[in-house]
Amino acid sequence: ESADSLAEAFESSQRELGENLDRARSRLHEVRVDREQKRRIAQD
């Protein structure tokens, strides 16, 4: 009925998600996977 109206209603949550993604991308290089995490992944 009104795609613009729905988009406006969820604009805040969309913007918040976008900001969280930007922060995550900027910190991706800091991620380290330790040996125990690798073991759990391999076991699964």
All heavy atoms as atom14 arrays in JSON, in Angstrom:
{
  "sequence": "ESADSLAEAFESSQRELGENLDRARSRLHEVRVDREQKRRIAQD",
  "atom14_mask": [
    [1, 1, 1, 1, 1, 1, 1, 1, 1, 0, 0, 0, 0, 0],
    [1, 1, 1, 1, 1, 1, 0, 0, 0, 0, 0, 0, 0, 0],
    [1, 1, 1, 1, 1, 0, 0, 0, 0, 0, 0, 0, 0, 0],
    [1, 1, 1, 1, 1, 1, 1, 1, 0, 0, 0, 0, 0, 0],
    [1, 1, 1, 1, 1, 1, 0, 0, 0, 0, 0, 0, 0, 0],
    [1, 1, 1, 1, 1, 1, 1, 1, 0, 0, 0, 0, 0, 0],
    [1, 1, 1, 1, 1, 0, 0, 0, 0, 0, 0, 0, 0, 0],
    [1, 1, 1, 1, 1, 1, 1, 1, 1, 0, 0, 0, 0, 0],
    [1, 1, 1, 1, 1, 0, 0, 0, 0, 0, 0, 0, 0, 0],
    [1, 1, 1, 1, 1, 1, 1, 1, 1, 1, 1, 0, 0, 0],
    [1, 1, 1, 1, 1, 1, 1, 1, 1, 0, 0, 0, 0, 0],
    [1, 1, 1, 1, 1, 1, 0, 0, 0, 0, 0, 0, 0, 0],
    [1, 1, 1, 1, 1, 1, 0, 0, 0, 0, 0, 0, 0, 0],
    [1, 1, 1, 1, 1, 1, 1, 1, 1, 0, 0, 0, 0, 0],
    [1, 1, 1, 1, 1, 1, 1, 1, 1, 1, 1, 0, 0, 0],
    [1, 1, 1, 1, 1, 1, 1, 1, 1, 0, 0, 0, 0, 0],
    [1, 1, 1, 1, 1, 1, 1, 1, 0, 0, 0, 0, 0, 0],
    [1, 1, 1, 1, 0, 0, 0, 0, 0, 0, 0, 0, 0, 0],
    [1, 1, 1, 1, 1, 1, 1, 1, 1, 0, 0, 0, 0, 0],
    [1, 1, 1, 1, 1, 1, 1, 1, 0, 0, 0, 0, 0, 0],
    [1, 1, 1, 1, 1, 1, 1, 1, 0, 0, 0, 0, 0, 0],
    [1, 1, 1, 1, 1, 1, 1, 1, 0, 0, 0, 0, 0, 0],
    [1, 1, 1, 1, 1, 1, 1, 1, 1, 1, 1, 0, 0, 0],
    [1, 1, 1, 1, 1, 0, 0, 0, 0, 0, 0, 0, 0, 0],
    [1, 1, 1, 1, 1, 1, 1, 1, 1, 1, 1, 0, 0, 0],
    [1, 1, 1, 1, 1, 1, 0, 0, 0, 0, 0, 0, 0, 0],
    [1, 1, 1, 1, 1, 1, 1, 1, 1, 1, 1, 0, 0, 0],
    [1, 1, 1, 1, 1, 1, 1, 1, 0, 0, 0, 0, 0, 0],
    [1, 1, 1, 1, 1, 1, 1, 1, 1, 1, 0, 0, 0, 0],
    [1, 1, 1, 1, 1, 1, 1, 1, 1, 0, 0, 0, 0, 0],
    [1, 1, 1, 1, 1, 1, 1, 0, 0, 0, 0, 0, 0, 0],
    [1, 1, 1, 1, 1, 1, 1, 1, 1, 1, 1, 0, 0, 0],
    [1, 1, 1, 1, 1, 1, 1, 0, 0, 0, 0, 0, 0, 0],
    [1, 1, 1, 1, 1, 1, 1, 1, 0, 0, 0, 0, 0, 0],
    [1, 1, 1, 1, 1, 1, 1, 1, 1, 1, 1, 0, 0, 0],
    [1, 1, 1, 1, 1, 1, 1, 1, 1, 0, 0, 0, 0, 0],
    [1, 1, 1, 1, 1, 1, 1, 1, 1, 0, 0, 0, 0, 0],
    [1, 1, 1, 1, 1, 1, 1, 1, 1, 0, 0, 0, 0, 0],
    [1, 1, 1, 1, 1, 1, 1, 1, 1, 1, 1, 0, 0, 0],
    [1, 1, 1, 1, 1, 1, 1, 1, 1, 1, 1, 0, 0, 0],
    [1, 1, 1, 1, 1, 1, 1, 1, 0, 0, 0, 0, 0, 0],
    [1, 1, 1, 1, 1, 0, 0, 0, 0, 0, 0, 0, 0, 0],
    [1, 1, 1, 1, 1, 1, 1, 1, 1, 0, 0, 0, 0, 0],
    [1, 1, 1, 1, 1, 1, 1, 1, 0, 0, 0, 0, 0, 0]
  ],
  "atom14_positions": [
    [[0.82, -1.21, 0.0], [0.0, 0.0, 0.0], [0.85, 1.26, 0.0], [0.51, 2.26, -0.64], [-0.92, 0.0, 1.22], [-2.0, -1.07, 1.17], [-2.74, -1.21, 2.49], [-2.41, -0.43, 3.42], [-3.63, -2.07, 2.6], [0.0, 0.0, 0.0], [0.0, 0.0, 0.0], [0.0, 0.0, 0.0], [0.0, 0.0, 0.0], [0.0, 0.0, 0.0]],
    [[1.98, 1.23, 0.74], [2.84, 2.41, 0.82], [4.24, 1.98, 1.23], [4.56, 1.93, 2.43], [2.28, 3.42, 1.83], [3.16, 4.53, 1.94], [0.0, 0.0, 0.0], [0.0, 0.0, 0.0], [0.0, 0.0, 0.0], [0.0, 0.0, 0.0], [0.0, 0.0, 0.0], [0.0, 0.0, 0.0], [0.0, 0.0, 0.0], [0.0, 0.0, 0.0]],
    [[5.06, 1.68, 0.25], [6.43, 1.25, 0.53], [7.21, 2.35, 1.24], [8.04, 2.07, 2.12], [7.14, 0.88, -0.78], [0.0, 0.0, 0.0], [0.0, 0.0, 0.0], [0.0, 0.0, 0.0], [0.0, 0.0, 0.0], [0.0, 0.0, 0.0], [0.0, 0.0, 0.0], [0.0, 0.0, 0.0], [0.0, 0.0, 0.0], [0.0, 0.0, 0.0]],
    [[6.94, 3.61, 0.89], [7.64, 4.72, 1.53], [7.29, 4.81, 3.02], [8.15, 5.1, 3.86], [7.29, 6.04, 0.84], [7.9, 6.13, -0.55], [8.86, 5.38, -0.84], [7.41, 6.94, -1.35], [0.0, 0.0, 0.0], [0.0, 0.0, 0.0], [0.0, 0.0, 0.0], [0.0, 0.0, 0.0], [0.0, 0.0, 0.0], [0.0, 0.0, 0.0]],
    [[6.03, 4.58, 3.34], [5.6, 4.65, 4.74], [6.26, 3.55, 5.57], [6.71, 3.79, 6.69], [4.07, 4.52, 4.81], [3.65, 4.45, 6.16], [0.0, 0.0, 0.0], [0.0, 0.0, 0.0], [0.0, 0.0, 0.0], [0.0, 0.0, 0.0], [0.0, 0.0, 0.0], [0.0, 0.0, 0.0], [0.0, 0.0, 0.0], [0.0, 0.0, 0.0]],
    [[6.33, 2.35, 5.03], [6.98, 1.25, 5.75], [8.47, 1.55, 5.93], [9.03, 1.33, 7.01], [6.79, -0.06, 5.0], [7.41, -1.29, 5.67], [6.72, -1.61, 6.98], [7.36, -2.5, 4.73], [0.0, 0.0, 0.0], [0.0, 0.0, 0.0], [0.0, 0.0, 0.0], [0.0, 0.0, 0.0], [0.0, 0.0, 0.0], [0.0, 0.0, 0.0]],
    [[9.1, 2.05, 4.88], [10.52, 2.38, 4.96], [10.77, 3.44, 6.03], [11.76, 3.37, 6.77], [11.02, 2.87, 3.61], [0.0, 0.0, 0.0], [0.0, 0.0, 0.0], [0.0, 0.0, 0.0], [0.0, 0.0, 0.0], [0.0, 0.0, 0.0], [0.0, 0.0, 0.0], [0.0, 0.0, 0.0], [0.0, 0.0, 0.0], [0.0, 0.0, 0.0]],
    [[9.88, 4.42, 6.11], [10.03, 5.48, 7.11], [9.9, 4.92, 8.52], [10.64, 5.31, 9.43], [8.98, 6.56, 6.87], [9.1, 7.75, 7.81], [8.06, 8.83, 7.52], [7.39, 8.74, 6.47], [7.92, 9.76, 8.35], [0.0, 0.0, 0.0], [0.0, 0.0, 0.0], [0.0, 0.0, 0.0], [0.0, 0.0, 0.0], [0.0, 0.0, 0.0]],
    [[8.98, 3.96, 8.7], [8.77, 3.37, 10.02], [9.99, 2.59, 10.5], [10.26, 2.52, 11.7], [7.54, 2.47, 10.0], [0.0, 0.0, 0.0], [0.0, 0.0, 0.0], [0.0, 0.0, 0.0], [0.0, 0.0, 0.0], [0.0, 0.0, 0.0], [0.0, 0.0, 0.0], [0.0, 0.0, 0.0], [0.0, 0.0, 0.0], [0.0, 0.0, 0.0]],
    [[10.73, 2.02, 9.56], [11.89, 1.21, 9.93], [13.21, 1.92, 9.61], [14.27, 1.29, 9.62], [11.83, -0.15, 9.22], [10.82, -1.07, 9.82], [9.5, -1.06, 9.39], [11.18, -1.94, 10.84], [8.55, -1.9, 9.95], [10.24, -2.79, 11.41], [8.92, -2.77, 10.97], [0.0, 0.0, 0.0], [0.0, 0.0, 0.0], [0.0, 0.0, 0.0]],
    [[13.14, 3.21, 9.33], [14.35, 3.96, 8.99], [15.35, 3.94, 10.13], [16.56, 3.79, 9.92], [13.97, 5.39, 8.62], [15.17, 6.24, 8.21], [14.77, 7.66, 7.85], [13.56, 7.98, 7.93], [15.67, 8.45, 7.48], [0.0, 0.0, 0.0], [0.0, 0.0, 0.0], [0.0, 0.0, 0.0], [0.0, 0.0, 0.0], [0.0, 0.0, 0.0]],
    [[14.86, 4.11, 11.36], [15.76, 4.16, 12.52], [16.49, 2.83, 12.71], [17.71, 2.81, 12.92], [14.97, 4.52, 13.78], [15.81, 4.5, 14.92], [0.0, 0.0, 0.0], [0.0, 0.0, 0.0], [0.0, 0.0, 0.0], [0.0, 0.0, 0.0], [0.0, 0.0, 0.0], [0.0, 0.0, 0.0], [0.0, 0.0, 0.0], [0.0, 0.0, 0.0]],
    [[15.77, 1.72, 12.64], [16.4, 0.41, 12.83], [17.34, 0.08, 11.68], [18.4, -0.54, 11.88], [15.34, -0.68, 12.98], [14.51, -0.74, 11.84], [0.0, 0.0, 0.0], [0.0, 0.0, 0.0], [0.0, 0.0, 0.0], [0.0, 0.0, 0.0], [0.0, 0.0, 0.0], [0.0, 0.0, 0.0], [0.0, 0.0, 0.0], [0.0, 0.0, 0.0]],
    [[16.98, 0.51, 10.47], [17.88, 0.3, 9.33], [19.18, 1.09, 9.51], [20.28, 0.58, 9.26], [17.19, 0.73, 8.03], [16.1, -0.19, 7.55], [16.62, -1.39, 6.78], [16.52, -2.52, 7.23], [17.17, -1.15, 5.62], [0.0, 0.0, 0.0], [0.0, 0.0, 0.0], [0.0, 0.0, 0.0], [0.0, 0.0, 0.0], [0.0, 0.0, 0.0]],
    [[19.04, 2.33, 9.96], [20.22, 3.17, 10.17], [21.09, 2.6, 11.28], [22.33, 2.58, 11.16], [19.79, 4.6, 10.51], [20.98, 5.55, 10.69], [20.52, 6.99, 10.79], [19.61, 7.2, 11.9], [18.29, 7.43, 11.75], [17.77, 7.48, 10.55], [17.52, 7.62, 12.82], [0.0, 0.0, 0.0], [0.0, 0.0, 0.0], [0.0, 0.0, 0.0]],
    [[20.47, 2.13, 12.35], [21.24, 1.54, 13.46], [22.01, 0.3, 12.99], [23.18, 0.13, 13.34], [20.3, 1.17, 14.6], [21.03, 0.59, 15.81], [20.08, 0.22, 16.93], [18.86, 0.44, 16.78], [20.55, -0.29, 17.97], [0.0, 0.0, 0.0], [0.0, 0.0, 0.0], [0.0, 0.0, 0.0], [0.0, 0.0, 0.0], [0.0, 0.0, 0.0]],
    [[21.35, -0.53, 12.2], [22.03, -1.72, 11.68], [23.2, -1.31, 10.78], [24.29, -1.89, 10.86], [21.05, -2.59, 10.9], [21.63, -3.81, 10.2], [22.33, -4.73, 11.19], [20.55, -4.57, 9.43], [0.0, 0.0, 0.0], [0.0, 0.0, 0.0], [0.0, 0.0, 0.0], [0.0, 0.0, 0.0], [0.0, 0.0, 0.0], [0.0, 0.0, 0.0]],
    [[22.99, -0.32, 9.93], [24.06, 0.15, 9.06], [25.25, 0.67, 9.84], [26.41, 0.4, 9.49], [0.0, 0.0, 0.0], [0.0, 0.0, 0.0], [0.0, 0.0, 0.0], [0.0, 0.0, 0.0], [0.0, 0.0, 0.0], [0.0, 0.0, 0.0], [0.0, 0.0, 0.0], [0.0, 0.0, 0.0], [0.0, 0.0, 0.0], [0.0, 0.0, 0.0]],
    [[24.99, 1.4, 10.92], [26.08, 1.91, 11.75], [26.83, 0.78, 12.44], [28.06, 0.8, 12.55], [25.51, 2.89, 12.78], [24.98, 4.18, 12.17], [24.21, 5.03, 13.16], [23.96, 4.53, 14.29], [23.84, 6.17, 12.82], [0.0, 0.0, 0.0], [0.0, 0.0, 0.0], [0.0, 0.0, 0.0], [0.0, 0.0, 0.0], [0.0, 0.0, 0.0]],
    [[26.09, -0.23, 12.91], [26.73, -1.39, 13.52], [27.61, -2.14, 12.52], [28.71, -2.6, 12.85], [25.68, -2.33, 14.1], [25.01, -1.78, 15.34], [25.57, -0.91, 16.02], [23.81, -2.26, 15.64], [0.0, 0.0, 0.0], [0.0, 0.0, 0.0], [0.0, 0.0, 0.0], [0.0, 0.0, 0.0], [0.0, 0.0, 0.0], [0.0, 0.0, 0.0]],
    [[27.12, -2.25, 11.29], [27.91, -2.91, 10.26], [29.18, -2.14, 9.95], [30.26, -2.73, 9.76], [27.07, -3.08, 8.99], [25.93, -4.09, 9.06], [25.1, -4.05, 7.78], [26.45, -5.5, 9.3], [0.0, 0.0, 0.0], [0.0, 0.0, 0.0], [0.0, 0.0, 0.0], [0.0, 0.0, 0.0], [0.0, 0.0, 0.0], [0.0, 0.0, 0.0]],
    [[29.08, -0.82, 9.9], [30.27, 0.01, 9.65], [31.32, -0.21, 10.74], [32.51, -0.33, 10.46], [29.89, 1.49, 9.58], [29.12, 1.83, 8.32], [29.19, 1.05, 7.36], [28.43, 2.88, 8.29], [0.0, 0.0, 0.0], [0.0, 0.0, 0.0], [0.0, 0.0, 0.0], [0.0, 0.0, 0.0], [0.0, 0.0, 0.0], [0.0, 0.0, 0.0]],
    [[30.86, -0.23, 12.0], [31.8, -0.45, 13.1], [32.42, -1.85, 13.03], [33.62, -2.02, 13.27], [31.09, -0.25, 14.43], [30.84, 1.21, 14.8], [30.43, 1.35, 16.25], [29.12, 0.76, 16.5], [27.98, 1.45, 16.39], [28.0, 2.72, 16.03], [26.82, 0.87, 16.65], [0.0, 0.0, 0.0], [0.0, 0.0, 0.0], [0.0, 0.0, 0.0]],
    [[31.6, -2.83, 12.68], [32.12, -4.19, 12.59], [33.15, -4.32, 11.47], [34.18, -4.99, 11.64], [30.97, -5.17, 12.36], [0.0, 0.0, 0.0], [0.0, 0.0, 0.0], [0.0, 0.0, 0.0], [0.0, 0.0, 0.0], [0.0, 0.0, 0.0], [0.0, 0.0, 0.0], [0.0, 0.0, 0.0], [0.0, 0.0, 0.0], [0.0, 0.0, 0.0]],
    [[32.88, -3.69, 10.33], [33.83, -3.75, 9.22], [35.17, -3.11, 9.62], [36.24, -3.62, 9.28], [33.27, -3.02, 7.99], [32.07, -3.69, 7.35], [31.68, -2.96, 6.08], [30.4, -3.41, 5.55], [29.27, -2.75, 5.66], [29.24, -1.57, 6.27], [28.15, -3.24, 5.16], [0.0, 0.0, 0.0], [0.0, 0.0, 0.0], [0.0, 0.0, 0.0]],
    [[35.09, -2.01, 10.35], [36.31, -1.3, 10.73], [37.13, -2.08, 11.74], [38.34, -1.87, 11.85], [35.96, 0.09, 11.29], [35.29, -0.03, 12.53], [0.0, 0.0, 0.0], [0.0, 0.0, 0.0], [0.0, 0.0, 0.0], [0.0, 0.0, 0.0], [0.0, 0.0, 0.0], [0.0, 0.0, 0.0], [0.0, 0.0, 0.0], [0.0, 0.0, 0.0]],
    [[36.49, -3.0, 12.47], [37.2, -3.75, 13.51], [37.47, -5.2, 13.09], [37.99, -5.98, 13.89], [36.39, -3.74, 14.81], [36.15, -2.36, 15.38], [35.49, -2.42, 16.73], [36.33, -3.15, 17.7], [35.94, -3.43, 18.93], [34.74, -3.05, 19.35], [36.74, -4.08, 19.75], [0.0, 0.0, 0.0], [0.0, 0.0, 0.0], [0.0, 0.0, 0.0]],
    [[37.13, -5.52, 11.87], [37.28, -6.91, 11.43], [38.72, -7.38, 11.53], [38.99, -8.55, 11.87], [36.78, -7.04, 9.98], [36.75, -8.45, 9.4], [35.84, -9.37, 10.21], [36.3, -8.41, 7.94], [0.0, 0.0, 0.0], [0.0, 0.0, 0.0], [0.0, 0.0, 0.0], [0.0, 0.0, 0.0], [0.0, 0.0, 0.0], [0.0, 0.0, 0.0]],
    [[39.67, -6.49, 11.24], [41.08, -6.88, 11.27], [41.56, -7.23, 12.69], [42.62, -7.85, 12.84], [41.94, -5.75, 10.72], [41.95, -4.52, 11.58], [40.91, -3.61, 11.6], [42.87, -4.06, 12.47], [41.19, -2.64, 12.45], [42.37, -2.89, 13.0], [0.0, 0.0, 0.0], [0.0, 0.0, 0.0], [0.0, 0.0, 0.0], [0.0, 0.0, 0.0]],
    [[40.77, -6.87, 13.71], [41.16, -7.17, 15.08], [40.75, -8.58, 15.52], [41.17, -9.05, 16.58], [40.52, -6.16, 16.04], [40.89, -4.71, 15.76], [40.12, -3.75, 16.65], [39.51, -4.22, 17.64], [40.09, -2.54, 16.35], [0.0, 0.0, 0.0], [0.0, 0.0, 0.0], [0.0, 0.0, 0.0], [0.0, 0.0, 0.0], [0.0, 0.0, 0.0]],
    [[39.92, -9.22, 14.72], [39.38, -10.53, 15.12], [40.47, -11.59, 15.1], [41.23, -11.71, 14.12], [38.22, -10.95, 14.2], [37.77, -12.38, 14.52], [37.06, -9.98, 14.33], [0.0, 0.0, 0.0], [0.0, 0.0, 0.0], [0.0, 0.0, 0.0], [0.0, 0.0, 0.0], [0.0, 0.0, 0.0], [0.0, 0.0, 0.0], [0.0, 0.0, 0.0]],
    [[40.56, -12.37, 16.16], [41.47, -13.49, 16.24], [40.69, -14.73, 16.68], [39.85, -14.64, 17.58], [42.61, -13.23, 17.23], [43.5, -12.04, 16.85], [44.31, -12.32, 15.59], [45.18, -11.2, 15.24], [44.83, -10.22, 14.43], [43.6, -10.2, 13.9], [45.67, -9.25, 14.16], [0.0, 0.0, 0.0], [0.0, 0.0, 0.0], [0.0, 0.0, 0.0]],
    [[40.95, -15.86, 16.08], [40.3, -17.11, 16.44], [41.32, -17.98, 17.16], [42.33, -18.36, 16.58], [39.77, -17.84, 15.19], [39.02, -19.11, 15.59], [38.86, -16.92, 14.38], [0.0, 0.0, 0.0], [0.0, 0.0, 0.0], [0.0, 0.0, 0.0], [0.0, 0.0, 0.0], [0.0, 0.0, 0.0], [0.0, 0.0, 0.0], [0.0, 0.0, 0.0]],
    [[41.05, -18.27, 18.43], [42.04, -19.03, 19.19], [41.9, -20.53, 18.92], [40.98, -20.99, 18.25], [41.93, -18.73, 20.69], [40.58, -19.13, 21.29], [40.0, -20.14, 20.84], [40.12, -18.43, 22.21], [0.0, 0.0, 0.0], [0.0, 0.0, 0.0], [0.0, 0.0, 0.0], [0.0, 0.0, 0.0], [0.0, 0.0, 0.0], [0.0, 0.0, 0.0]],
    [[42.83, -21.29, 19.47], [42.91, -22.71, 19.19], [41.67, -23.47, 19.67], [41.17, -24.37, 18.99], [44.16, -23.29, 19.89], [44.43, -24.75, 19.6], [45.02, -24.94, 18.24], [45.4, -26.32, 17.99], [46.02, -26.74, 16.9], [46.34, -25.88, 15.95], [46.31, -28.02, 16.74], [0.0, 0.0, 0.0], [0.0, 0.0, 0.0], [0.0, 0.0, 0.0]],
    [[41.15, -23.09, 20.83], [39.99, -23.77, 21.37], [38.75, -23.53, 20.51], [37.92, -24.42, 20.31], [39.73, -23.31, 22.81], [38.56, -24.02, 23.5], [38.72, -25.53, 23.49], [39.87, -26.02, 23.58], [37.68, -26.22, 23.4], [0.0, 0.0, 0.0], [0.0, 0.0, 0.0], [0.0, 0.0, 0.0], [0.0, 0.0, 0.0], [0.0, 0.0, 0.0]],
    [[38.61, -22.31, 19.99], [37.5, -22.03, 19.09], [37.61, -22.86, 17.81], [36.62, -23.39, 17.3], [37.46, -20.53, 18.76], [37.02, -19.67, 19.94], [37.21, -18.19, 19.65], [38.19, -17.79, 19.02], [36.28, -17.38, 20.12], [0.0, 0.0, 0.0], [0.0, 0.0, 0.0], [0.0, 0.0, 0.0], [0.0, 0.0, 0.0], [0.0, 0.0, 0.0]],
    [[38.83, -22.97, 17.28], [39.04, -23.79, 16.08], [38.7, -25.25, 16.37], [38.14, -25.95, 15.51], [40.49, -23.67, 15.62], [40.86, -22.29, 15.1], [42.34, -22.21, 14.79], [42.74, -20.79, 14.38], [44.2, -20.64, 14.19], [0.0, 0.0, 0.0], [0.0, 0.0, 0.0], [0.0, 0.0, 0.0], [0.0, 0.0, 0.0], [0.0, 0.0, 0.0]],
    [[39.03, -25.72, 17.57], [38.73, -27.1, 17.92], [37.21, -27.32, 17.95], [36.71, -28.34, 17.46], [39.35, -27.45, 19.28], [39.05, -28.87, 19.77], [39.82, -29.18, 21.04], [41.25, -29.15, 20.8], [41.93, -30.18, 20.26], [41.28, -31.29, 19.91], [43.22, -30.08, 20.08], [0.0, 0.0, 0.0], [0.0, 0.0, 0.0], [0.0, 0.0, 0.0]],
    [[36.46, -26.37, 18.53], [35.01, -26.52, 18.6], [34.4, -26.52, 17.19], [33.46, -27.27, 16.91], [34.41, -25.42, 19.45], [34.72, -25.53, 20.94], [33.71, -24.76, 21.78], [33.69, -23.35, 21.44], [34.46, -22.42, 22.02], [35.33, -22.78, 22.95], [34.35, -21.16, 21.67], [0.0, 0.0, 0.0], [0.0, 0.0, 0.0], [0.0, 0.0, 0.0]],
    [[34.93, -25.66, 16.35], [34.44, -25.6, 14.96], [34.7, -26.93, 14.26], [33.83, -27.49, 13.58], [35.11, -24.45, 14.19], [34.64, -23.1, 14.73], [34.82, -24.55, 12.69], [35.43, -21.92, 14.21], [0.0, 0.0, 0.0], [0.0, 0.0, 0.0], [0.0, 0.0, 0.0], [0.0, 0.0, 0.0], [0.0, 0.0, 0.0], [0.0, 0.0, 0.0]],
    [[35.9, -27.46, 14.43], [36.25, -28.73, 13.8], [35.39, -29.88, 14.34], [34.96, -30.76, 13.58], [37.73, -29.03, 14.02], [0.0, 0.0, 0.0], [0.0, 0.0, 0.0], [0.0, 0.0, 0.0], [0.0, 0.0, 0.0], [0.0, 0.0, 0.0], [0.0, 0.0, 0.0], [0.0, 0.0, 0.0], [0.0, 0.0, 0.0], [0.0, 0.0, 0.0]],
    [[35.13, -29.87, 15.63], [34.28, -30.92, 16.22], [32.86, -30.85, 15.68], [32.26, -31.89, 15.37], [34.28, -30.76, 17.75], [35.6, -31.15, 18.41], [35.63, -30.82, 19.89], [34.85, -29.98, 20.37], [36.53, -31.45, 20.62], [0.0, 0.0, 0.0], [0.0, 0.0, 0.0], [0.0, 0.0, 0.0], [0.0, 0.0, 0.0], [0.0, 0.0, 0.0]],
    [[32.32, -29.63, 15.55], [30.98, -29.48, 14.99], [30.94, -29.96, 13.54], [29.99, -30.63, 13.11], [30.53, -28.02, 15.07], [30.21, -27.58, 16.49], [30.03, -28.47, 17.35], [30.16, -26.37, 16.74], [0.0, 0.0, 0.0], [0.0, 0.0, 0.0], [0.0, 0.0, 0.0], [0.0, 0.0, 0.0], [0.0, 0.0, 0.0], [0.0, 0.0, 0.0]]
  ]
}
